[in-house]
PDB file of all heavy atoms in Angstrom:
ATOM      1  N   GLY A   1      16.945  23.524  55.967  1.00  0.00           N
ATOM      2  CA  GLY A   1      17.775  24.024  54.902  1.00  0.00           C
ATOM      3  C   GLY A   1      17.572  25.449  54.511  1.00  0.00           C
ATOM      4  O   GLY A   1      18.442  26.190  54.218  1.00  0.00           O
ATOM      5  N   ASN A   2      16.213  25.945  54.826  1.00  0.00           N
ATOM      6  CA  ASN A   2      16.001  27.334  54.803  1.00  0.00           C
ATOM      7  C   ASN A   2      16.853  28.047  55.690  1.00  0.00           C
ATOM      8  O   ASN A   2      17.506  29.197  55.429  1.00  0.00           O
ATOM      9  CB  ASN A   2      14.475  27.637  55.038  1.00  0.00           C
ATOM     10  CG  ASN A   2      14.220  29.128  55.278  1.00  0.00           C
ATOM     11  OD1 ASN A   2      14.234  29.887  54.200  1.00  0.00           O
ATOM     12  ND2 ASN A   2      13.997  29.545  56.433  1.00  0.00           N
ATOM     13  N   GLN A   3      16.984  27.674  57.026  1.00  0.00           N
ATOM     14  CA  GLN A   3      17.717  28.248  58.038  1.00  0.00           C
ATOM     15  C   GLN A   3      19.161  28.369  57.657  1.00  0.00           C
ATOM     16  O   GLN A   3      19.864  29.381  58.035  1.00  0.00           O
ATOM     17  CB  GLN A   3      17.486  27.750  59.382  1.00  0.00           C
ATOM     18  CG  GLN A   3      16.080  27.915  59.958  1.00  0.00           C
ATOM     19  CD  GLN A   3      15.791  29.410  60.317  1.00  0.00           C
ATOM     20  OE1 GLN A   3      15.479  30.032  59.431  1.00  0.00           O
ATOM     21  NE2 GLN A   3      15.973  29.693  61.538  1.00  0.00           N
ATOM     22  N   VAL A   4      19.728  27.354  57.049  1.00  0.00           N
ATOM     23  CA  VAL A   4      21.174  27.171  56.721  1.00  0.00           C
ATOM     24  C   VAL A   4      21.455  28.309  55.552  1.00  0.00           C
ATOM     25  O   VAL A   4      22.432  29.135  55.726  1.00  0.00           O
ATOM     26  CB  VAL A   4      21.503  25.767  56.145  1.00  0.00           C
ATOM     27  CG1 VAL A   4      22.820  25.860  55.585  1.00  0.00           C
ATOM     28  CG2 VAL A   4      21.507  24.870  57.315  1.00  0.00           C
ATOM     29  N   SER A   5      20.432  28.413  54.640  1.00  0.00           N
ATOM     30  CA  SER A   5      20.597  29.397  53.616  1.00  0.00           C
ATOM     31  C   SER A   5      20.624  30.835  54.071  1.00  0.00           C
ATOM     32  O   SER A   5      21.403  31.696  53.830  1.00  0.00           O
ATOM     33  CB  SER A   5      19.487  29.197  52.604  1.00  0.00           C
ATOM     34  OG  SER A   5      19.521  30.172  51.617  1.00  0.00           O
ATOM     35  N   LYS A   6      19.543  31.071  55.081  1.00  0.00           N
ATOM     36  CA  LYS A   6      19.453  32.487  55.637  1.00  0.00           C
ATOM     37  C   LYS A   6      20.692  32.788  56.477  1.00  0.00           C
ATOM     38  O   LYS A   6      21.154  33.917  56.515  1.00  0.00           O
ATOM     39  CB  LYS A   6      18.179  32.502  56.443  1.00  0.00           C
ATOM     40  CG  LYS A   6      16.877  32.335  55.541  1.00  0.00           C
ATOM     41  CD  LYS A   6      16.578  33.398  54.663  1.00  0.00           C
ATOM     42  CE  LYS A   6      15.132  33.164  54.024  1.00  0.00           C
ATOM     43  NZ  LYS A   6      14.925  34.200  52.994  1.00  0.00           N
ATOM     44  N   ALA A   7      21.109  31.736  57.267  1.00  0.00           N
ATOM     45  CA  ALA A   7      22.322  31.953  58.000  1.00  0.00           C
ATOM     46  C   ALA A   7      23.518  32.221  57.268  1.00  0.00           C
ATOM     47  O   ALA A   7      24.381  33.152  57.649  1.00  0.00           O
ATOM     48  CB  ALA A   7      22.517  30.734  58.925  1.00  0.00           C
ATOM     49  N   THR A   8      23.711  31.705  56.116  1.00  0.00           N
ATOM     50  CA  THR A   8      24.684  31.984  55.321  1.00  0.00           C
ATOM     51  C   THR A   8      24.727  33.456  54.811  1.00  0.00           C
ATOM     52  O   THR A   8      25.797  34.100  54.719  1.00  0.00           O
ATOM     53  CB  THR A   8      24.740  30.982  53.928  1.00  0.00           C
ATOM     54  OG1 THR A   8      24.830  29.600  54.480  1.00  0.00           O
ATOM     55  CG2 THR A   8      25.851  31.308  52.976  1.00  0.00           C
ATOM     56  N   LEU A   9      23.535  33.781  54.357  1.00  0.00           N
ATOM     57  CA  LEU A   9      23.452  35.289  53.894  1.00  0.00           C
ATOM     58  C   LEU A   9      23.738  36.208  55.069  1.00  0.00           C
ATOM     59  O   LEU A   9      24.403  37.284  54.837  1.00  0.00           O
ATOM     60  CB  LEU A   9      22.005  35.429  53.298  1.00  0.00           C
ATOM     61  CG  LEU A   9      21.582  34.730  52.215  1.00  0.00           C
ATOM     62  CD1 LEU A   9      20.091  34.983  51.805  1.00  0.00           C
ATOM     63  CD2 LEU A   9      22.445  35.051  50.965  1.00  0.00           C
ATOM     64  N   LEU A  10      23.219  35.989  56.157  1.00  0.00           N
ATOM     65  CA  LEU A  10      23.421  36.890  57.350  1.00  0.00           C
ATOM     66  C   LEU A  10      24.884  36.986  57.723  1.00  0.00           C
ATOM     67  O   LEU A  10      25.407  38.058  57.902  1.00  0.00           O
ATOM     68  CB  LEU A  10      22.686  36.382  58.552  1.00  0.00           C
ATOM     69  CG  LEU A  10      21.050  36.593  58.420  1.00  0.00           C
ATOM     70  CD1 LEU A  10      20.324  35.749  59.541  1.00  0.00           C
ATOM     71  CD2 LEU A  10      20.657  38.082  58.499  1.00  0.00           C
ATOM     72  N   LEU A  11      25.614  35.804  57.814  1.00  0.00           N
ATOM     73  CA  LEU A  11      26.940  35.854  58.006  1.00  0.00           C
ATOM     74  C   LEU A  11      27.828  36.619  56.969  1.00  0.00           C
ATOM     75  O   LEU A  11      28.722  37.309  57.263  1.00  0.00           O
ATOM     76  CB  LEU A  11      27.555  34.490  58.288  1.00  0.00           C
ATOM     77  CG  LEU A  11      27.060  33.647  59.495  1.00  0.00           C
ATOM     78  CD1 LEU A  11      27.417  32.330  59.466  1.00  0.00           C
ATOM     79  CD2 LEU A  11      27.726  34.403  60.804  1.00  0.00           C
ATOM     80  N   ALA A  12      27.450  36.247  55.703  1.00  0.00           N
ATOM     81  CA  ALA A  12      28.217  36.865  54.621  1.00  0.00           C
ATOM     82  C   ALA A  12      27.981  38.417  54.616  1.00  0.00           C
ATOM     83  O   ALA A  12      28.956  39.155  54.326  1.00  0.00           O
ATOM     84  CB  ALA A  12      27.652  36.277  53.322  1.00  0.00           C
ATOM     85  N   LEU A  13      26.851  38.839  54.886  1.00  0.00           N
ATOM     86  CA  LEU A  13      26.483  40.219  54.932  1.00  0.00           C
ATOM     87  C   LEU A  13      27.223  40.997  56.037  1.00  0.00           C
ATOM     88  O   LEU A  13      27.775  42.040  55.757  1.00  0.00           O
ATOM     89  CB  LEU A  13      25.032  40.415  55.123  1.00  0.00           C
ATOM     90  CG  LEU A  13      24.056  40.696  53.930  1.00  0.00           C
ATOM     91  CD1 LEU A  13      22.714  40.937  54.362  1.00  0.00           C
ATOM     92  CD2 LEU A  13      24.454  41.969  53.166  1.00  0.00           C
ATOM     93  N   GLU A  14      27.403  40.267  57.146  1.00  0.00           N
ATOM     94  CA  GLU A  14      28.163  40.820  58.212  1.00  0.00           C
ATOM     95  C   GLU A  14      29.516  41.113  57.933  1.00  0.00           C
ATOM     96  O   GLU A  14      30.125  42.063  58.144  1.00  0.00           O
ATOM     97  CB  GLU A  14      27.928  39.877  59.470  1.00  0.00           C
ATOM     98  CG  GLU A  14      28.371  40.462  60.743  1.00  0.00           C
ATOM     99  CD  GLU A  14      27.427  41.504  61.341  1.00  0.00           C
ATOM    100  OE1 GLU A  14      26.297  41.658  60.817  1.00  0.00           O
ATOM    101  OE2 GLU A  14      27.729  42.080  62.297  1.00  0.00           O
ATOM    102  N   ASN A  15      30.156  40.130  57.286  1.00  0.00           N
ATOM    103  CA  ASN A  15      31.455  40.123  56.792  1.00  0.00           C
ATOM    104  C   ASN A  15      31.742  41.319  55.811  1.00  0.00           C
ATOM    105  O   ASN A  15      32.657  42.115  55.783  1.00  0.00           O
ATOM    106  CB  ASN A  15      31.951  38.787  56.266  1.00  0.00           C
ATOM    107  CG  ASN A  15      32.114  37.722  57.245  1.00  0.00           C
ATOM    108  OD1 ASN A  15      32.052  37.956  58.520  1.00  0.00           O
ATOM    109  ND2 ASN A  15      32.158  36.495  56.817  1.00  0.00           N
ATOM    110  N   ALA A  16      30.889  41.368  54.792  1.00  0.00           N
ATOM    111  CA  ALA A  16      30.988  42.213  53.677  1.00  0.00           C
ATOM    112  C   ALA A  16      30.876  43.641  54.072  1.00  0.00           C
ATOM    113  O   ALA A  16      31.586  44.587  53.828  1.00  0.00           O
ATOM    114  CB  ALA A  16      30.109  41.960  52.499  1.00  0.00           C
ATOM    115  N   MET A  17      29.807  43.797  54.864  1.00  0.00           N
ATOM    116  CA  MET A  17      29.430  45.267  55.338  1.00  0.00           C
ATOM    117  C   MET A  17      30.460  45.822  56.303  1.00  0.00           C
ATOM    118  O   MET A  17      30.744  47.065  56.378  1.00  0.00           O
ATOM    119  CB  MET A  17      28.060  45.284  56.099  1.00  0.00           C
ATOM    120  CG  MET A  17      26.905  45.140  55.020  1.00  0.00           C
ATOM    121  SD  MET A  17      25.319  44.863  55.921  1.00  0.00           S
ATOM    122  CE  MET A  17      25.257  46.231  56.994  1.00  0.00           C
ATOM    123  N   ALA A  18      31.163  44.912  57.038  1.00  0.00           N
ATOM    124  CA  ALA A  18      32.182  45.370  57.978  1.00  0.00           C
ATOM    125  C   ALA A  18      33.388  46.035  57.174  1.00  0.00           C
ATOM    126  O   ALA A  18      34.054  46.878  57.805  1.00  0.00           O
ATOM    127  CB  ALA A  18      32.717  44.119  58.763  1.00  0.00           C
ATOM    128  N   LYS A  19      33.601  45.796  55.941  1.00  0.00           N
ATOM    129  CA  LYS A  19      34.511  46.467  55.194  1.00  0.00           C
ATOM    130  C   LYS A  19      34.253  47.810  54.752  1.00  0.00           C
ATOM    131  O   LYS A  19      35.110  48.575  54.313  1.00  0.00           O
ATOM    132  CB  LYS A  19      34.933  45.519  53.918  1.00  0.00           C
ATOM    133  CG  LYS A  19      35.469  44.235  54.329  1.00  0.00           C
ATOM    134  CD  LYS A  19      35.697  43.263  53.118  1.00  0.00           C
ATOM    135  CE  LYS A  19      36.042  41.865  53.483  1.00  0.00           C
ATOM    136  NZ  LYS A  19      36.236  41.039  52.266  1.00  0.00           N
ATOM    137  N   TYR A  20      32.896  48.051  54.625  1.00  0.00           N
ATOM    138  CA  TYR A  20      32.381  49.414  54.166  1.00  0.00           C
ATOM    139  C   TYR A  20      31.403  50.031  55.086  1.00  0.00           C
ATOM    140  O   TYR A  20      30.248  50.203  54.754  1.00  0.00           O
ATOM    141  CB  TYR A  20      31.810  49.189  52.646  1.00  0.00           C
ATOM    142  CG  TYR A  20      32.825  48.580  51.842  1.00  0.00           C
ATOM    143  CD1 TYR A  20      32.805  47.169  51.551  1.00  0.00           C
ATOM    144  CD2 TYR A  20      33.770  49.321  51.214  1.00  0.00           C
ATOM    145  CE1 TYR A  20      33.769  46.632  50.854  1.00  0.00           C
ATOM    146  CE2 TYR A  20      34.712  48.592  50.294  1.00  0.00           C
ATOM    147  CZ  TYR A  20      34.667  47.340  50.105  1.00  0.00           C
ATOM    148  OH  TYR A  20      35.592  46.756  49.377  1.00  0.00           O
ATOM    149  N   PRO A  21      31.666  50.146  56.417  1.00  0.00           N
ATOM    150  CA  PRO A  21      30.775  50.496  57.429  1.00  0.00           C
ATOM    151  C   PRO A  21      30.106  51.868  57.147  1.00  0.00           C
ATOM    152  O   PRO A  21      28.937  52.017  57.589  1.00  0.00           O
ATOM    153  CB  PRO A  21      31.532  50.371  58.709  1.00  0.00           C
ATOM    154  CG  PRO A  21      32.910  50.722  58.228  1.00  0.00           C
ATOM    155  CD  PRO A  21      33.109  50.027  56.869  1.00  0.00           C
ATOM    156  N   ALA A  22      30.798  52.859  56.535  1.00  0.00           N
ATOM    157  CA  ALA A  22      30.323  54.209  56.376  1.00  0.00           C
ATOM    158  C   ALA A  22      29.086  54.172  55.235  1.00  0.00           C
ATOM    159  O   ALA A  22      28.369  55.103  55.104  1.00  0.00           O
ATOM    160  CB  ALA A  22      31.437  55.143  56.036  1.00  0.00           C
ATOM    161  N   PHE A  23      29.151  53.130  54.379  1.00  0.00           N
ATOM    162  CA  PHE A  23      28.354  53.102  53.064  1.00  0.00           C
ATOM    163  C   PHE A  23      27.336  52.053  53.111  1.00  0.00           C
ATOM    164  O   PHE A  23      26.590  51.911  52.140  1.00  0.00           O
ATOM    165  CB  PHE A  23      29.206  53.013  51.876  1.00  0.00           C
ATOM    166  CG  PHE A  23      30.405  53.948  51.797  1.00  0.00           C
ATOM    167  CD1 PHE A  23      31.564  53.464  51.360  1.00  0.00           C
ATOM    168  CD2 PHE A  23      30.301  55.249  52.201  1.00  0.00           C
ATOM    169  CE1 PHE A  23      32.730  54.278  51.266  1.00  0.00           C
ATOM    170  CE2 PHE A  23      31.403  56.096  52.178  1.00  0.00           C
ATOM    171  CZ  PHE A  23      32.573  55.586  51.631  1.00  0.00           C
ATOM    172  N   THR A  24      27.186  51.369  54.154  1.00  0.00           N
ATOM    173  CA  THR A  24      26.313  50.204  54.286  1.00  0.00           C
ATOM    174  C   THR A  24      25.407  50.143  55.560  1.00  0.00           C
ATOM    175  O   THR A  24      25.961  50.695  56.688  1.00  0.00           O
ATOM    176  CB  THR A  24      26.919  48.910  54.160  1.00  0.00           C
ATOM    177  OG1 THR A  24      27.933  48.711  55.222  1.00  0.00           O
ATOM    178  CG2 THR A  24      27.643  48.795  52.819  1.00  0.00           C
ATOM    179  N   GLU A  25      24.127  49.713  55.456  1.00  0.00           N
ATOM    180  CA  GLU A  25      23.460  49.450  56.700  1.00  0.00           C
ATOM    181  C   GLU A  25      22.558  48.234  56.459  1.00  0.00           C
ATOM    182  O   GLU A  25      22.322  47.675  55.327  1.00  0.00           O
ATOM    183  CB  GLU A  25      22.483  50.658  56.923  1.00  0.00           C
ATOM    184  CG  GLU A  25      21.610  50.684  58.206  1.00  0.00           C
ATOM    185  CD  GLU A  25      22.471  50.563  59.535  1.00  0.00           C
ATOM    186  OE1 GLU A  25      22.914  49.563  59.825  1.00  0.00           O
ATOM    187  OE2 GLU A  25      22.734  51.680  60.067  1.00  0.00           O
ATOM    188  N   TYR A  26      22.140  47.570  57.695  1.00  0.00           N
ATOM    189  CA  TYR A  26      21.309  46.413  57.601  1.00  0.00           C
ATOM    190  C   TYR A  26      19.970  46.729  58.341  1.00  0.00           C
ATOM    191  O   TYR A  26      20.001  47.147  59.400  1.00  0.00           O
ATOM    192  CB  TYR A  26      22.005  45.192  58.233  1.00  0.00           C
ATOM    193  CG  TYR A  26      21.166  43.930  58.274  1.00  0.00           C
ATOM    194  CD1 TYR A  26      20.985  43.141  57.226  1.00  0.00           C
ATOM    195  CD2 TYR A  26      20.541  43.602  59.582  1.00  0.00           C
ATOM    196  CE1 TYR A  26      20.176  42.041  57.289  1.00  0.00           C
ATOM    197  CE2 TYR A  26      19.808  42.385  59.696  1.00  0.00           C
ATOM    198  CZ  TYR A  26      19.630  41.641  58.517  1.00  0.00           C
ATOM    199  OH  TYR A  26      18.795  40.607  58.496  1.00  0.00           O
ATOM    200  N   PHE A  27      18.981  46.356  57.598  1.00  0.00           N
ATOM    201  CA  PHE A  27      17.511  46.435  58.285  1.00  0.00           C
ATOM    202  C   PHE A  27      17.065  45.062  58.508  1.00  0.00           C
ATOM    203  O   PHE A  27      16.936  44.198  57.613  1.00  0.00           O
ATOM    204  CB  PHE A  27      16.483  47.165  57.248  1.00  0.00           C
ATOM    205  CG  PHE A  27      15.148  47.181  57.746  1.00  0.00           C
ATOM    206  CD1 PHE A  27      14.810  47.860  58.954  1.00  0.00           C
ATOM    207  CD2 PHE A  27      14.229  46.562  57.190  1.00  0.00           C
ATOM    208  CE1 PHE A  27      13.459  47.926  59.533  1.00  0.00           C
ATOM    209  CE2 PHE A  27      12.878  46.436  57.597  1.00  0.00           C
ATOM    210  CZ  PHE A  27      12.432  47.141  58.816  1.00  0.00           C
ATOM    211  N   PRO A  28      16.649  44.830  59.770  1.00  0.00           N
ATOM    212  CA  PRO A  28      16.369  43.334  60.255  1.00  0.00           C
ATOM    213  C   PRO A  28      14.941  42.929  59.975  1.00  0.00           C
ATOM    214  O   PRO A  28      14.139  42.573  60.812  1.00  0.00           O
ATOM    215  CB  PRO A  28      16.584  43.329  61.749  1.00  0.00           C
ATOM    216  CG  PRO A  28      16.237  44.730  62.168  1.00  0.00           C
ATOM    217  CD  PRO A  28      16.765  45.578  60.980  1.00  0.00           C
ATOM    218  N   ALA A  29      14.569  42.977  58.652  1.00  0.00           N
ATOM    219  CA  ALA A  29      13.247  42.459  58.196  1.00  0.00           C
ATOM    220  C   ALA A  29      12.947  41.031  58.538  1.00  0.00           C
ATOM    221  O   ALA A  29      11.939  40.667  59.066  1.00  0.00           O
ATOM    222  CB  ALA A  29      13.040  42.743  56.779  1.00  0.00           C
ATOM    223  N   TYR A  30      14.040  40.167  58.382  1.00  0.00           N
ATOM    224  CA  TYR A  30      13.864  38.786  58.639  1.00  0.00           C
ATOM    225  C   TYR A  30      13.733  38.571  60.200  1.00  0.00           C
ATOM    226  O   TYR A  30      12.827  37.744  60.503  1.00  0.00           O
ATOM    227  CB  TYR A  30      15.261  38.136  58.206  1.00  0.00           C
ATOM    228  CG  TYR A  30      15.347  36.684  58.405  1.00  0.00           C
ATOM    229  CD1 TYR A  30      14.551  35.708  57.707  1.00  0.00           C
ATOM    230  CD2 TYR A  30      16.155  36.244  59.416  1.00  0.00           C
ATOM    231  CE1 TYR A  30      14.614  34.249  58.004  1.00  0.00           C
ATOM    232  CE2 TYR A  30      16.327  34.808  59.716  1.00  0.00           C
ATOM    233  CZ  TYR A  30      15.577  33.939  59.015  1.00  0.00           C
ATOM    234  OH  TYR A  30      15.681  32.519  59.213  1.00  0.00           O
TER     235      TYR A  30
END
């Protein structure tokens, strides 16, 4: 269940950030 939740966040972030690539970045702490 934890992995499903984290995967949801990772996929959603990937989608959202792709729309604003110049103003966003991802740091892979996880």
